[in-house]
C-alpha cells in the first residue's frame, strides 16, 4: 500500500515537473526601455507599420533574440487580436507591418526574449 502511494506521488511530481518552468525576465531585460512608433499608411488606413527601439540603461541600442507584438482592441461584442513577429532592421531596431481590421485604441503587449528569459511590456498605441 505504501509502495502504491509512493509511486502515485512520484507520478504526480513528475507530471507537475514536466509542465516546465515558467519563463521569467532577467536583470538584462528588466533594464531595457522600449519605444514604439506607429506609422499608418496614407491610402489604406488599415495598414500600420510599427518601428520599435530597444535601449539599455545607458541609452545604447541593444538586440534581443526575439521581439513579438500582440495587438488587441476590446469593444463590446468584438475581440480583435493580432500577433506578429518583429523583424530586426538594425541594432536595437525592429519593425513589422500589420493590417488592423479597424481604427481605434489598440493596446500592444511587446514580448522580448533573450536566451531563456522573457519580458512582456504593455504599451498603448
PDB file of N, CA and C in Angstrom:
ATOM      1  N   UNK A   1       0.814  -1.182   0.000  1.00  0.00           N
ATOM      2  CA  UNK A   1       0.000   0.000   0.000  1.00  0.00           C
ATOM      3  C   UNK A   1       0.870   1.263   0.000  1.00  0.00           C
ATOM      4  N   UNK A   2       1.930   1.243   0.830  1.00  0.00           N
ATOM      5  CA  UNK A   2       2.828   2.389   0.843  1.00  0.00           C
ATOM      6  C   UNK A   2       3.566   2.539  -0.477  1.00  0.00           C
ATOM      7  N   UNK A   3       3.872   1.427  -1.102  1.00  0.00           N
ATOM      8  CA  UNK A   3       4.571   1.474  -2.381  1.00  0.00           C
ATOM      9  C   UNK A   3       3.686   2.115  -3.446  1.00  0.00           C
ATOM     10  N   UNK A   4       2.398   1.766  -3.444  1.00  0.00           N
ATOM     11  CA  UNK A   4       1.472   2.342  -4.419  1.00  0.00           C
ATOM     12  C   UNK A   4       1.318   3.844  -4.194  1.00  0.00           C
ATOM     13  N   UNK A   5       1.238   4.247  -2.930  1.00  0.00           N
ATOM     14  CA  UNK A   5       1.108   5.672  -2.613  1.00  0.00           C
ATOM     15  C   UNK A   5       2.371   6.428  -3.021  1.00  0.00           C
ATOM     16  N   UNK A   6       3.526   5.828  -2.790  1.00  0.00           N
ATOM     17  CA  UNK A   6       4.792   6.448  -3.164  1.00  0.00           C
ATOM     18  C   UNK A   6       4.904   6.598  -4.675  1.00  0.00           C
ATOM     19  N   UNK A   7       4.517   5.563  -5.385  1.00  0.00           N
ATOM     20  CA  UNK A   7       4.550   5.608  -6.847  1.00  0.00           C
ATOM     21  C   UNK A   7       3.587   6.674  -7.365  1.00  0.00           C
ATOM     22  N   UNK A   8       2.407   6.742  -6.768  1.00  0.00           N
ATOM     23  CA  UNK A   8       1.428   7.749  -7.184  1.00  0.00           C
ATOM     24  C   UNK A   8       1.975   9.163  -6.955  1.00  0.00           C
ATOM     25  N   UNK A   9       2.620   9.367  -5.802  1.00  0.00           N
ATOM     26  CA  UNK A   9       3.209  10.677  -5.518  1.00  0.00           C
ATOM     27  C   UNK A   9       4.311  11.008  -6.517  1.00  0.00           C
ATOM     28  N   UNK A  10       5.138  10.034  -6.873  1.00  0.00           N
ATOM     29  CA  UNK A  10       6.205  10.251  -7.851  1.00  0.00           C
ATOM     30  C   UNK A  10       5.630  10.601  -9.214  1.00  0.00           C
ATOM     31  N   UNK A  11       4.566   9.912  -9.608  1.00  0.00           N
ATOM     32  CA  UNK A  11       3.925  10.194 -10.894  1.00  0.00           C
ATOM     33  C   UNK A  11       3.379  11.624 -10.908  1.00  0.00           C
ATOM     34  N   UNK A  12       2.748  12.050  -9.817  1.00  0.00           N
ATOM     35  CA  UNK A  12       2.208  13.408  -9.733  1.00  0.00           C
ATOM     36  C   UNK A  12       3.332  14.437  -9.787  1.00  0.00           C
ATOM     37  N   UNK A  13       4.405  14.214  -9.039  1.00  0.00           N
ATOM     38  CA  UNK A  13       5.536  15.138  -9.052  1.00  0.00           C
ATOM     39  C   UNK A  13       6.174  15.227 -10.430  1.00  0.00           C
ATOM     40  N   UNK A  14       6.330  14.092 -11.097  1.00  0.00           N
ATOM     41  CA  UNK A  14       6.911  14.108 -12.442  1.00  0.00           C
ATOM     42  C   UNK A  14       5.996  14.828 -13.423  1.00  0.00           C
ATOM     43  N   UNK A  15       4.686  14.654 -13.285  1.00  0.00           N
ATOM     44  CA  UNK A  15       3.740  15.338 -14.173  1.00  0.00           C
ATOM     45  C   UNK A  15       3.814  16.844 -13.980  1.00  0.00           C
ATOM     46  N   UNK A  16       3.860  17.289 -12.729  1.00  0.00           N
ATOM     47  CA  UNK A  16       3.961  18.719 -12.456  1.00  0.00           C
ATOM     48  C   UNK A  16       5.289  19.259 -12.976  1.00  0.00           C
ATOM     49  N   UNK A  17       6.369  18.547 -12.737  1.00  0.00           N
ATOM     50  CA  UNK A  17       7.694  18.992 -13.188  1.00  0.00           C
ATOM     51  C   UNK A  17       7.785  19.023 -14.708  1.00  0.00           C
ATOM     52  N   UNK A  18       7.109  18.091 -15.386  1.00  0.00           N
ATOM     53  CA  UNK A  18       7.191  18.028 -16.844  1.00  0.00           C
ATOM     54  C   UNK A  18       6.456  19.174 -17.520  1.00  0.00           C
ATOM     55  N   UNK A  19       5.597  19.899 -16.777  1.00  0.00           N
ATOM     56  CA  UNK A  19       4.925  21.057 -17.357  1.00  0.00           C
ATOM     57  C   UNK A  19       5.910  22.155 -17.690  1.00  0.00           C
ATOM     58  N   UNK A  20       7.108  22.045 -17.153  1.00  0.00           N
ATOM     59  CA  UNK A  20       8.156  23.018 -17.467  1.00  0.00           C
ATOM     60  C   UNK A  20       8.149  24.169 -16.493  1.00  0.00           C
ATOM     61  N   UNK A  21       9.212  24.918 -16.544  1.00  0.00           N
ATOM     62  CA  UNK A  21       9.311  26.080 -15.686  1.00  0.00           C
ATOM     63  C   UNK A  21       8.792  27.296 -16.428  1.00  0.00           C
ATOM     64  N   UNK A  22       8.240  28.200 -15.683  1.00  0.00           N
ATOM     65  CA  UNK A  22       7.707  29.415 -16.280  1.00  0.00           C
ATOM     66  C   UNK A  22       8.867  30.304 -16.724  1.00  0.00           C
ATOM     67  N   UNK A  23       8.766  30.832 -17.942  1.00  0.00           N
ATOM     68  CA  UNK A  23       9.796  31.725 -18.457  1.00  0.00           C
ATOM     69  C   UNK A  23       9.701  33.028 -17.681  1.00  0.00           C
ATOM     70  N   UNK A  24      10.817  33.508 -17.178  1.00  0.00           N
ATOM     71  CA  UNK A  24      10.817  34.741 -16.404  1.00  0.00           C
ATOM     72  C   UNK A  24      11.788  35.747 -17.005  1.00  0.00           C
ATOM     73  N   UNK A  25      11.668  36.968 -16.546  1.00  0.00           N
ATOM     74  CA  UNK A  25      12.538  38.028 -17.019  1.00  0.00           C
ATOM     75  C   UNK A  25      13.913  37.877 -16.389  1.00  0.00           C
ATOM     76  N   UNK A  26      14.819  38.764 -16.761  1.00  0.00           N
ATOM     77  CA  UNK A  26      16.178  38.745 -16.231  1.00  0.00           C
ATOM     78  C   UNK A  26      16.585  40.187 -15.938  1.00  0.00           C
ATOM     79  N   UNK A  27      17.650  40.393 -15.155  1.00  0.00           N
ATOM     80  CA  UNK A  27      18.109  41.769 -14.923  1.00  0.00           C
ATOM     81  C   UNK A  27      18.413  42.513 -16.230  1.00  0.00           C
ATOM     82  N   UNK A  28      18.937  41.815 -17.221  1.00  0.00           N
ATOM     83  CA  UNK A  28      19.214  42.450 -18.519  1.00  0.00           C
ATOM     84  C   UNK A  28      17.926  42.964 -19.150  1.00  0.00           C
ATOM     85  N   UNK A  29      16.912  42.108 -19.241  1.00  0.00           N
ATOM     86  CA  UNK A  29      15.649  42.502 -19.858  1.00  0.00           C
ATOM     87  C   UNK A  29      14.933  43.568 -19.033  1.00  0.00           C
ATOM     88  N   UNK A  30      15.015  43.460 -17.692  1.00  0.00           N
ATOM     89  CA  UNK A  30      14.343  44.429 -16.826  1.00  0.00           C
ATOM     90  C   UNK A  30      14.918  45.835 -16.995  1.00  0.00           C
ATOM     91  N   UNK A  31      16.180  45.948 -17.395  1.00  0.00           N
ATOM     92  CA  UNK A  31      16.822  47.248 -17.550  1.00  0.00           C
ATOM     93  C   UNK A  31      16.597  47.894 -18.902  1.00  0.00           C
ATOM     94  N   UNK A  32      15.854  47.251 -19.785  1.00  0.00           N
ATOM     95  CA  UNK A  32      15.647  47.789 -21.129  1.00  0.00           C
ATOM     96  C   UNK A  32      14.434  48.707 -21.189  1.00  0.00           C
ATOM     97  N   UNK A  33      14.530  49.732 -22.035  1.00  0.00           N
ATOM     98  CA  UNK A  33      13.369  50.572 -22.321  1.00  0.00           C
ATOM     99  C   UNK A  33      12.978  50.348 -23.777  1.00  0.00           C
ATOM    100  N   UNK A  34      11.680  50.398 -24.022  1.00  0.00           N
ATOM    101  CA  UNK A  34      11.142  50.135 -25.356  1.00  0.00           C
ATOM    102  C   UNK A  34      10.288  51.322 -25.777  1.00  0.00           C
ATOM    103  N   UNK A  35      10.512  51.796 -26.994  1.00  0.00           N
ATOM    104  CA  UNK A  35       9.628  52.816 -27.566  1.00  0.00           C
ATOM    105  C   UNK A  35       9.127  52.288 -28.902  1.00  0.00           C
ATOM    106  N   UNK A  36       7.893  52.637 -29.213  1.00  0.00           N
ATOM    107  CA  UNK A  36       7.288  52.145 -30.450  1.00  0.00           C
ATOM    108  C   UNK A  36       6.630  53.308 -31.168  1.00  0.00           C
ATOM    109  N   UNK A  37       6.741  53.279 -32.486  1.00  0.00           N
ATOM    110  CA  UNK A  37       6.140  54.313 -33.332  1.00  0.00           C
ATOM    111  C   UNK A  37       5.221  53.633 -34.328  1.00  0.00           C
ATOM    112  N   UNK A  38       4.015  54.145 -34.427  1.00  0.00           N
ATOM    113  CA  UNK A  38       3.016  53.633 -35.365  1.00  0.00           C
ATOM    114  C   UNK A  38       2.956  54.584 -36.549  1.00  0.00           C
ATOM    115  N   UNK A  39       3.222  54.056 -37.745  1.00  0.00           N
ATOM    116  CA  UNK A  39       3.144  54.867 -38.951  1.00  0.00           C
ATOM    117  C   UNK A  39       2.012  54.331 -39.825  1.00  0.00           C
ATOM    118  N   UNK A  40       0.817  54.939 -39.737  1.00  0.00           N
ATOM    119  CA  UNK A  40      -0.287  54.471 -40.579  1.00  0.00           C
ATOM    120  C   UNK A  40      -0.043  54.799 -42.044  1.00  0.00           C
ATOM    121  N   UNK A  41      -0.574  53.981 -42.916  1.00  0.00           N
ATOM    122  CA  UNK A  41      -0.475  54.186 -44.352  1.00  0.00           C
ATOM    123  C   UNK A  41      -1.427  55.310 -44.751  1.00  0.00           C
ATOM    124  N   UNK A  42      -0.987  56.171 -45.643  1.00  0.00           N
ATOM    125  CA  UNK A  42      -1.821  57.307 -46.076  1.00  0.00           C
ATOM    126  C   UNK A  42      -3.052  56.867 -46.862  1.00  0.00           C
ATOM    127  N   UNK A  43      -2.901  55.850 -47.701  1.00  0.00           N
ATOM    128  CA  UNK A  43      -4.028  55.406 -48.524  1.00  0.00           C
ATOM    129  C   UNK A  43      -4.915  54.417 -47.797  1.00  0.00           C
ATOM    130  N   UNK A  44      -4.390  53.253 -47.506  1.00  0.00           N
ATOM    131  CA  UNK A  44      -5.132  52.199 -46.830  1.00  0.00           C
ATOM    132  C   UNK A  44      -4.910  52.358 -45.327  1.00  0.00           C
ATOM    133  N   UNK A  45      -5.907  52.879 -44.613  1.00  0.00           N
ATOM    134  CA  UNK A  45      -5.738  53.173 -43.189  1.00  0.00           C
ATOM    135  C   UNK A  45      -5.683  51.919 -42.315  1.00  0.00           C
ATOM    136  N   UNK A  46      -5.919  50.738 -42.892  1.00  0.00           N
ATOM    137  CA  UNK A  46      -5.799  49.512 -42.105  1.00  0.00           C
ATOM    138  C   UNK A  46      -4.357  49.040 -42.023  1.00  0.00           C
ATOM    139  N   UNK A  47      -3.464  49.582 -42.864  1.00  0.00           N
ATOM    140  CA  UNK A  47      -2.055  49.188 -42.882  1.00  0.00           C
ATOM    141  C   UNK A  47      -1.273  50.066 -41.903  1.00  0.00           C
ATOM    142  N   UNK A  48      -0.594  49.426 -40.966  1.00  0.00           N
ATOM    143  CA  UNK A  48       0.218  50.154 -39.988  1.00  0.00           C
ATOM    144  C   UNK A  48       1.612  49.542 -39.950  1.00  0.00           C
ATOM    145  N   UNK A  49       2.615  50.399 -39.942  1.00  0.00           N
ATOM    146  CA  UNK A  49       3.991  49.946 -39.788  1.00  0.00           C
ATOM    147  C   UNK A  49       4.448  50.358 -38.393  1.00  0.00           C
ATOM    148  N   UNK A  50       4.926  49.385 -37.633  1.00  0.00           N
ATOM    149  CA  UNK A  50       5.405  49.648 -36.282  1.00  0.00           C
ATOM    150  C   UNK A  50       6.919  49.546 -36.255  1.00  0.00           C
ATOM    151  N   UNK A  51       7.554  50.597 -35.761  1.00  0.00           N
ATOM    152  CA  UNK A  51       9.003  50.615 -35.557  1.00  0.00           C
ATOM    153  C   UNK A  51       9.250  50.638 -34.056  1.00  0.00           C
ATOM    154  N   UNK A  52      10.074  49.711 -33.600  1.00  0.00           N
ATOM    155  CA  UNK A  52      10.348  49.556 -32.182  1.00  0.00           C
ATOM    156  C   UNK A  52      11.833  49.738 -31.932  1.00  0.00           C
ATOM    157  N   UNK A  53      12.179  50.456 -30.863  1.00  0.00           N
ATOM    158  CA  UNK A  53      13.569  50.701 -30.497  1.00  0.00           C
ATOM    159  C   UNK A  53      13.777  50.203 -29.072  1.00  0.00           C
ATOM    160  N   UNK A  54      14.882  49.462 -28.859  1.00  0.00           N
ATOM    161  CA  UNK A  54      15.219  48.921 -27.541  1.00  0.00           C
ATOM    162  C   UNK A  54      16.550  49.509 -27.101  1.00  0.00           C
ATOM    163  N   UNK A  55      16.558  50.091 -25.883  1.00  0.00           N
ATOM    164  CA  UNK A  55      17.785  50.682 -25.334  1.00  0.00           C
ATOM    165  C   UNK A  55      18.039  50.151 -23.927  1.00  0.00           C
ATOM    166  N   UNK A  56      19.336  50.102 -23.566  1.00  0.00           N
ATOM    167  CA  UNK A  56      19.704  49.701 -22.207  1.00  0.00           C
ATOM    168  C   UNK A  56      19.701  50.925 -21.299  1.00  0.00           C
ATOM    169  N   UNK A  57      20.089  50.736 -20.026  1.00  0.00           N
ATOM    170  CA  UNK A  57      20.036  51.835 -19.060  1.00  0.00           C
ATOM    171  C   UNK A  57      20.967  52.986 -19.426  1.00  0.00           C
ATOM    172  N   UNK A  58      22.021  52.712 -20.195  1.00  0.00           N
ATOM    173  CA  UNK A  58      22.948  53.762 -20.621  1.00  0.00           C
ATOM    174  C   UNK A  58      22.462  54.482 -21.879  1.00  0.00           C
ATOM    175  N   UNK A  59      21.334  54.043 -22.453  1.00  0.00           N
ATOM    176  CA  UNK A  59      20.805  54.669 -23.659  1.00  0.00           C
ATOM    177  C   UNK A  59      21.348  54.095 -24.944  1.00  0.00           C
ATOM    178  N   UNK A  60      22.089  52.979 -24.845  1.00  0.00           N
ATOM    179  CA  UNK A  60      22.643  52.325 -26.034  1.00  0.00           C
ATOM    180  C   UNK A  60      21.617  51.372 -26.645  1.00  0.00           C
ATOM    181  N   UNK A  61      21.580  51.319 -27.964  1.00  0.00           N
ATOM    182  CA  UNK A  61      20.712  50.363 -28.653  1.00  0.00           C
ATOM    183  C   UNK A  61      21.225  48.952 -28.403  1.00  0.00           C
ATOM    184  N   UNK A  62      20.312  48.031 -28.097  1.00  0.00           N
ATOM    185  CA  UNK A  62      20.690  46.642 -27.831  1.00  0.00           C
ATOM    186  C   UNK A  62      19.741  45.689 -28.547  1.00  0.00           C
ATOM    187  N   UNK A  63      20.259  44.512 -28.853  1.00  0.00           N
ATOM    188  CA  UNK A  63      19.474  43.464 -29.501  1.00  0.00           C
ATOM    189  C   UNK A  63      19.010  42.438 -28.482  1.00  0.00           C
ATOM    190  N   UNK A  64      17.922  41.784 -28.821  1.00  0.00           N
ATOM    191  CA  UNK A  64      17.438  40.619 -28.089  1.00  0.00           C
ATOM    192  C   UNK A  64      17.244  39.511 -29.106  1.00  0.00           C
ATOM    193  N   UNK A  65      16.958  38.309 -28.630  1.00  0.00           N
ATOM    194  CA  UNK A  65      16.820  37.169 -29.540  1.00  0.00           C
ATOM    195  C   UNK A  65      15.528  37.213 -30.358  1.00  0.00           C
ATOM    196  N   UNK A  66      14.432  37.685 -29.709  1.00  0.00           N
ATOM    197  CA  UNK A  66      13.145  37.705 -30.407  1.00  0.00           C
ATOM    198  C   UNK A  66      12.279  38.827 -29.863  1.00  0.00           C
ATOM    199  N   UNK A  67      11.564  39.482 -30.777  1.00  0.00           N
ATOM    200  CA  UNK A  67      10.594  40.505 -30.393  1.00  0.00           C
ATOM    201  C   UNK A  67       9.276  40.126 -31.059  1.00  0.00           C
ATOM    202  N   UNK A  68       8.241  40.018 -30.248  1.00  0.00           N
ATOM    203  CA  UNK A  68       6.910  39.692 -30.759  1.00  0.00           C
ATOM    204  C   UNK A  68       5.950  40.756 -30.241  1.00  0.00           C
ATOM    205  N   UNK A  69       4.988  41.129 -31.063  1.00  0.00           N
ATOM    206  CA  UNK A  69       3.996  42.121 -30.655  1.00  0.00           C
ATOM    207  C   UNK A  69       2.617  41.487 -30.742  1.00  0.00           C
ATOM    208  N   UNK A  70       1.853  41.613 -29.658  1.00  0.00           N
ATOM    209  CA  UNK A  70       0.472  41.144 -29.608  1.00  0.00           C
ATOM    210  C   UNK A  70      -0.415  42.374 -29.513  1.00  0.00           C
ATOM    211  N   UNK A  71      -1.280  42.561 -30.489  1.00  0.00           N
ATOM    212  CA  UNK A  71      -2.163  43.720 -30.536  1.00  0.00           C
ATOM    213  C   UNK A  71      -3.580  43.297 -30.198  1.00  0.00           C
ATOM    214  N   UNK A  72      -4.271  44.128 -29.424  1.00  0.00           N
ATOM    215  CA  UNK A  72      -5.661  43.825 -29.105  1.00  0.00           C
ATOM    216  C   UNK A  72      -6.447  45.121 -28.954  1.00  0.00           C
ATOM    217  N   UNK A  73      -7.725  45.026 -29.258  1.00  0.00           N
ATOM    218  CA  UNK A  73      -8.641  46.139 -29.070  1.00  0.00           C
ATOM    219  C   UNK A  73      -9.942  45.553 -28.561  1.00  0.00           C
ATOM    220  N   UNK A  74     -10.358  45.993 -27.403  1.00  0.00           N
ATOM    221  CA  UNK A  74     -11.598  45.478 -26.819  1.00  0.00           C
ATOM    222  C   UNK A  74     -12.748  46.418 -27.140  1.00  0.00           C
ATOM    223  N   UNK A  75     -13.771  45.835 -27.693  1.00  0.00           N
ATOM    224  CA  UNK A  75     -15.014  46.554 -27.952  1.00  0.00           C
ATOM    225  C   UNK A  75     -16.146  45.626 -27.547  1.00  0.00           C
ATOM    226  N   UNK A  76     -17.232  46.178 -27.132  1.00  0.00           N
ATOM    227  CA  UNK A  76     -18.377  45.371 -26.748  1.00  0.00           C
ATOM    228  C   UNK A  76     -18.797  44.460 -27.911  1.00  0.00           C
ATOM    229  N   UNK A  77     -18.806  43.173 -27.677  1.00  0.00           N
ATOM    230  CA  UNK A  77     -19.214  42.206 -28.689  1.00  0.00           C
ATOM    231  C   UNK A  77     -18.135  41.836 -29.685  1.00  0.00           C
ATOM    232  N   UNK A  78     -16.944  42.436 -29.588  1.00  0.00           N
ATOM    233  CA  UNK A  78     -15.854  42.142 -30.521  1.00  0.00           C
ATOM    234  C   UNK A  78     -14.581  41.881 -29.731  1.00  0.00           C
ATOM    235  N   UNK A  79     -13.720  41.080 -30.290  1.00  0.00           N
ATOM    236  CA  UNK A  79     -12.452  40.781 -29.635  1.00  0.00           C
ATOM    237  C   UNK A  79     -11.366  40.700 -30.697  1.00  0.00           C
ATOM    238  N   UNK A  80     -10.835  41.843 -31.099  1.00  0.00           N
ATOM    239  CA  UNK A  80      -9.812  41.890 -32.140  1.00  0.00           C
ATOM    240  C   UNK A  80      -8.445  41.593 -31.537  1.00  0.00           C
ATOM    241  N   UNK A  81      -7.717  40.652 -32.142  1.00  0.00           N
ATOM    242  CA  UNK A  81      -6.370  40.314 -31.680  1.00  0.00           C
ATOM    243  C   UNK A  81      -5.489  39.976 -32.874  1.00  0.00           C
ATOM    244  N   UNK A  82      -4.220  40.403 -32.791  1.00  0.00           N
ATOM    245  CA  UNK A  82      -3.218  40.079 -33.802  1.00  0.00           C
ATOM    246  C   UNK A  82      -1.912  39.764 -33.097  1.00  0.00           C
ATOM    247  N   UNK A  83      -1.129  38.850 -33.672  1.00  0.00           N
ATOM    248  CA  UNK A  83       0.188  38.529 -33.133  1.00  0.00           C
ATOM    249  C   UNK A  83       1.171  38.531 -34.287  1.00  0.00           C
ATOM    250  N   UNK A  84       2.252  39.272 -34.130  1.00  0.00           N
ATOM    251  CA  UNK A  84       3.258  39.383 -35.192  1.00  0.00           C
ATOM    252  C   UNK A  84       4.662  39.270 -34.617  1.00  0.00           C
ATOM    253  N   UNK A  85       5.511  38.569 -35.335  1.00  0.00           N
ATOM    254  CA  UNK A  85       6.938  38.536 -35.032  1.00  0.00           C
ATOM    255  C   UNK A  85       7.548  39.774 -35.675  1.00  0.00           C
ATOM    256  N   UNK A  86       8.374  40.515 -34.924  1.00  0.00           N
ATOM    257  CA  UNK A  86       9.002  41.705 -35.480  1.00  0.00           C
ATOM    258  C   UNK A  86      10.361  41.334 -36.063  1.00  0.00           C
ATOM    259  N   UNK A  87      10.719  41.975 -37.156  1.00  0.00           N
ATOM    260  CA  UNK A  87      11.995  41.707 -37.821  1.00  0.00           C
ATOM    261  C   UNK A  87      13.026  42.753 -37.406  1.00  0.00           C
ATOM    262  N   UNK A  88      14.255  42.317 -37.268  1.00  0.00           N
ATOM    263  CA  UNK A  88      15.352  43.214 -36.908  1.00  0.00           C
ATOM    264  C   UNK A  88      15.724  44.046 -38.134  1.00  0.00           C
ATOM    265  N   UNK A  89      15.799  45.377 -37.947  1.00  0.00           N
ATOM    266  CA  UNK A  89      16.201  46.253 -39.049  1.00  0.00           C
ATOM    267  C   UNK A  89      17.533  46.930 -38.759  1.00  0.00           C
ATOM    268  N   UNK A  90      18.066  46.773 -37.580  1.00  0.00           N
ATOM    269  CA  UNK A  90      19.348  47.335 -37.169  1.00  0.00           C
ATOM    270  C   UNK A  90      19.553  47.017 -35.704  1.00  0.00           C
ATOM    271  N   UNK A  91      20.689  47.370 -35.160  1.00  0.00           N
ATOM    272  CA  UNK A  91      20.946  47.087 -33.752  1.00  0.00           C
ATOM    273  C   UNK A  91      19.883  47.781 -32.904  1.00  0.00           C
ATOM    274  N   UNK A  92      19.147  46.994 -32.140  1.00  0.00           N
ATOM    275  CA  UNK A  92      18.114  47.525 -31.257  1.00  0.00           C
ATOM    276  C   UNK A  92      16.888  48.057 -31.956  1.00  0.00           C
ATOM    277  N   UNK A  93      16.771  47.837 -33.263  1.00  0.00           N
ATOM    278  CA  UNK A  93      15.635  48.352 -34.026  1.00  0.00           C
ATOM    279  C   UNK A  93      14.905  47.198 -34.716  1.00  0.00           C
ATOM    280  N   UNK A  94      13.581  47.192 -34.564  1.00  0.00           N
ATOM    281  CA  UNK A  94      12.745  46.130 -35.101  1.00  0.00           C
ATOM    282  C   UNK A  94      11.529  46.750 -35.770  1.00  0.00           C
ATOM    283  N   UNK A  95      10.945  46.036 -36.720  1.00  0.00           N
ATOM    284  CA  UNK A  95       9.772  46.564 -37.419  1.00  0.00           C
ATOM    285  C   UNK A  95       8.850  45.429 -37.833  1.00  0.00           C
ATOM    286  N   UNK A  96       7.612  45.792 -38.076  1.00  0.00           N
ATOM    287  CA  UNK A  96       6.632  44.890 -38.654  1.00  0.00           C
ATOM    288  C   UNK A  96       5.528  45.725 -39.283  1.00  0.00           C
ATOM    289  N   UNK A  97       4.794  45.114 -40.180  1.00  0.00           N
ATOM    290  CA  UNK A  97       3.653  45.776 -40.801  1.00  0.00           C
ATOM    291  C   UNK A  97       2.436  44.891 -40.566  1.00  0.00           C
ATOM    292  N   UNK A  98       1.355  45.498 -40.091  1.00  0.00           N
ATOM    293  CA  UNK A  98       0.134  44.740 -39.818  1.00  0.00           C
ATOM    294  C   UNK A  98      -1.057  45.426 -40.466  1.00  0.00           C
ATOM    295  N   UNK A  99      -2.100  44.662 -40.655  1.00  0.00           N
ATOM    296  CA  UNK A  99      -3.357  45.153 -41.203  1.00  0.00           C
ATOM    297  C   UNK A  99      -4.397  45.103 -40.083  1.00  0.00           C
ATOM    298  N   UNK A 100      -4.712  46.264 -39.534  1.00  0.00           N
ATOM    299  CA  UNK A 100      -5.698  46.339 -38.455  1.00  0.00           C
ATOM    300  C   UNK A 100      -7.099  46.347 -39.054  1.00  0.00           C
ATOM    301  N   UNK A 101      -7.991  45.528 -38.529  1.00  0.00           N
ATOM    302  CA  UNK A 101      -9.331  45.444 -39.118  1.00  0.00           C
ATOM    303  C   UNK A 101     -10.156  46.719 -38.969  1.00  0.00           C
ATOM    304  N   UNK A 102      -9.772  47.576 -38.004  1.00  0.00           N
ATOM    305  CA  UNK A 102     -10.486  48.839 -37.846  1.00  0.00           C
ATOM    306  C   UNK A 102      -9.636  49.810 -37.035  1.00  0.00           C
ATOM    307  N   UNK A 103      -9.909  51.102 -37.204  1.00  0.00           N
ATOM    308  CA  UNK A 103      -9.218  52.122 -36.428  1.00  0.00           C
ATOM    309  C   UNK A 103      -9.781  52.141 -35.017  1.00  0.00           C
ATOM    310  N   UNK A 104      -8.970  52.597 -34.087  1.00  0.00           N
ATOM    311  CA  UNK A 104      -9.407  52.682 -32.695  1.00  0.00           C
ATOM    312  C   UNK A 104      -8.216  52.648 -31.767  1.00  0.00           C
ATOM    313  N   UNK A 105      -8.485  52.481 -30.488  1.00  0.00           N
ATOM    314  CA  UNK A 105      -7.446  52.430 -29.472  1.00  0.00           C
ATOM    315  C   UNK A 105      -6.956  51.001 -29.304  1.00  0.00           C
ATOM    316  N   UNK A 106      -5.797  50.738 -29.874  1.00  0.00           N
ATOM    317  CA  UNK A 106      -5.203  49.411 -29.809  1.00  0.00           C
ATOM    318  C   UNK A 106      -4.178  49.368 -28.678  1.00  0.00           C
ATOM    319  N   UNK A 107      -4.110  48.243 -28.016  1.00  0.00           N
ATOM    320  CA  UNK A 107      -3.141  48.008 -26.952  1.00  0.00           C
ATOM    321  C   UNK A 107      -2.124  47.004 -27.484  1.00  0.00           C
ATOM    322  N   UNK A 108      -0.855  47.223 -27.157  1.00  0.00           N
ATOM    323  CA  UNK A 108       0.203  46.307 -27.595  1.00  0.00           C
ATOM    324  C   UNK A 108       0.895  45.700 -26.386  1.00  0.00           C
ATOM    325  N   UNK A 109       1.135  44.416 -26.445  1.00  0.00           N
ATOM    326  CA  UNK A 109       1.999  43.756 -25.475  1.00  0.00           C
ATOM    327  C   UNK A 109       3.209  43.277 -26.268  1.00  0.00           C
ATOM    328  N   UNK A 110       4.355  43.877 -25.952  1.00  0.00           N
ATOM    329  CA  UNK A 110       5.594  43.545 -26.630  1.00  0.00           C
ATOM    330  C   UNK A 110       6.322  42.512 -25.787  1.00  0.00           C
ATOM    331  N   UNK A 111       6.688  41.405 -26.416  1.00  0.00           N
ATOM    332  CA  UNK A 111       7.400  40.333 -25.738  1.00  0.00           C
ATOM    333  C   UNK A 111       8.848  40.317 -26.212  1.00  0.00           C
ATOM    334  N   UNK A 112       9.783  40.523 -25.273  1.00  0.00           N
ATOM    335  CA  UNK A 112      11.210  40.480 -25.568  1.00  0.00           C
ATOM    336  C   UNK A 112      11.768  39.171 -25.046  1.00  0.00           C
ATOM    337  N   UNK A 113      12.520  38.462 -25.864  1.00  0.00           N
ATOM    338  CA  UNK A 113      13.115  37.203 -25.431  1.00  0.00           C
ATOM    339  C   UNK A 113      14.620  37.262 -25.632  1.00  0.00           C
ATOM    340  N   UNK A 114      15.364  36.894 -24.585  1.00  0.00           N
ATOM    341  CA  UNK A 114      16.824  36.813 -24.641  1.00  0.00           C
ATOM    342  C   UNK A 114      17.223  35.561 -23.883  1.00  0.00           C
ATOM    343  N   UNK A 115      17.916  34.660 -24.569  1.00  0.00           N
ATOM    344  CA  UNK A 115      18.297  33.364 -24.005  1.00  0.00           C
ATOM    345  C   UNK A 115      17.033  32.646 -23.520  1.00  0.00           C
ATOM    346  N   UNK A 116      16.987  32.251 -22.250  1.00  0.00           N
ATOM    347  CA  UNK A 116      15.818  31.543 -21.718  1.00  0.00           C
ATOM    348  C   UNK A 116      14.889  32.474 -20.955  1.00  0.00           C
ATOM    349  N   UNK A 117      15.039  33.776 -21.133  1.00  0.00           N
ATOM    350  CA  UNK A 117      14.262  34.741 -20.373  1.00  0.00           C
ATOM    351  C   UNK A 117      13.337  35.529 -21.291  1.00  0.00           C
ATOM    352  N   UNK A 118      12.209  35.962 -20.723  1.00  0.00           N
ATOM    353  CA  UNK A 118      11.228  36.714 -21.495  1.00  0.00           C
ATOM    354  C   UNK A 118      10.632  37.809 -20.623  1.00  0.00           C
ATOM    355  N   UNK A 119      10.411  38.960 -21.218  1.00  0.00           N
ATOM    356  CA  UNK A 119       9.759  40.084 -20.535  1.00  0.00           C
ATOM    357  C   UNK A 119       8.652  40.608 -21.427  1.00  0.00           C
ATOM    358  N   UNK A 120       7.498  40.875 -20.825  1.00  0.00           N
ATOM    359  CA  UNK A 120       6.371  41.434 -21.563  1.00  0.00           C
ATOM    360  C   UNK A 120       6.117  42.853 -21.087  1.00  0.00           C
ATOM    361  N   UNK A 121       5.925  43.749 -22.062  1.00  0.00           N
ATOM    362  CA  UNK A 121       5.730  45.166 -21.784  1.00  0.00           C
ATOM    363  C   UNK A 121       4.424  45.598 -22.444  1.00  0.00           C
ATOM    364  N   UNK A 122       3.552  46.223 -21.671  1.00  0.00           N
ATOM    365  CA  UNK A 122       2.264  46.696 -22.189  1.00  0.00           C
ATOM    366  C   UNK A 122       2.399  48.146 -22.631  1.00  0.00           C
ATOM    367  N   UNK A 123       1.963  48.431 -23.865  1.00  0.00           N
ATOM    368  CA  UNK A 123       2.041  49.781 -24.432  1.00  0.00           C
ATOM    369  C   UNK A 123       0.706  50.156 -25.052  1.00  0.00           C
ATOM    370  N   UNK A 124       0.330  51.419 -24.930  1.00  0.00           N
ATOM    371  CA  UNK A 124      -0.854  51.926 -25.605  1.00  0.00           C
ATOM    372  C   UNK A 124      -0.418  52.548 -26.916  1.00  0.00           C
ATOM    373  N   UNK A 125      -1.065  52.191 -28.008  1.00  0.00           N
ATOM    374  CA  UNK A 125      -0.688  52.721 -29.316  1.00  0.00           C
ATOM    375  C   UNK A 125      -1.509  53.947 -29.659  1.00  0.00           C
TER     376      UNK A 125
END
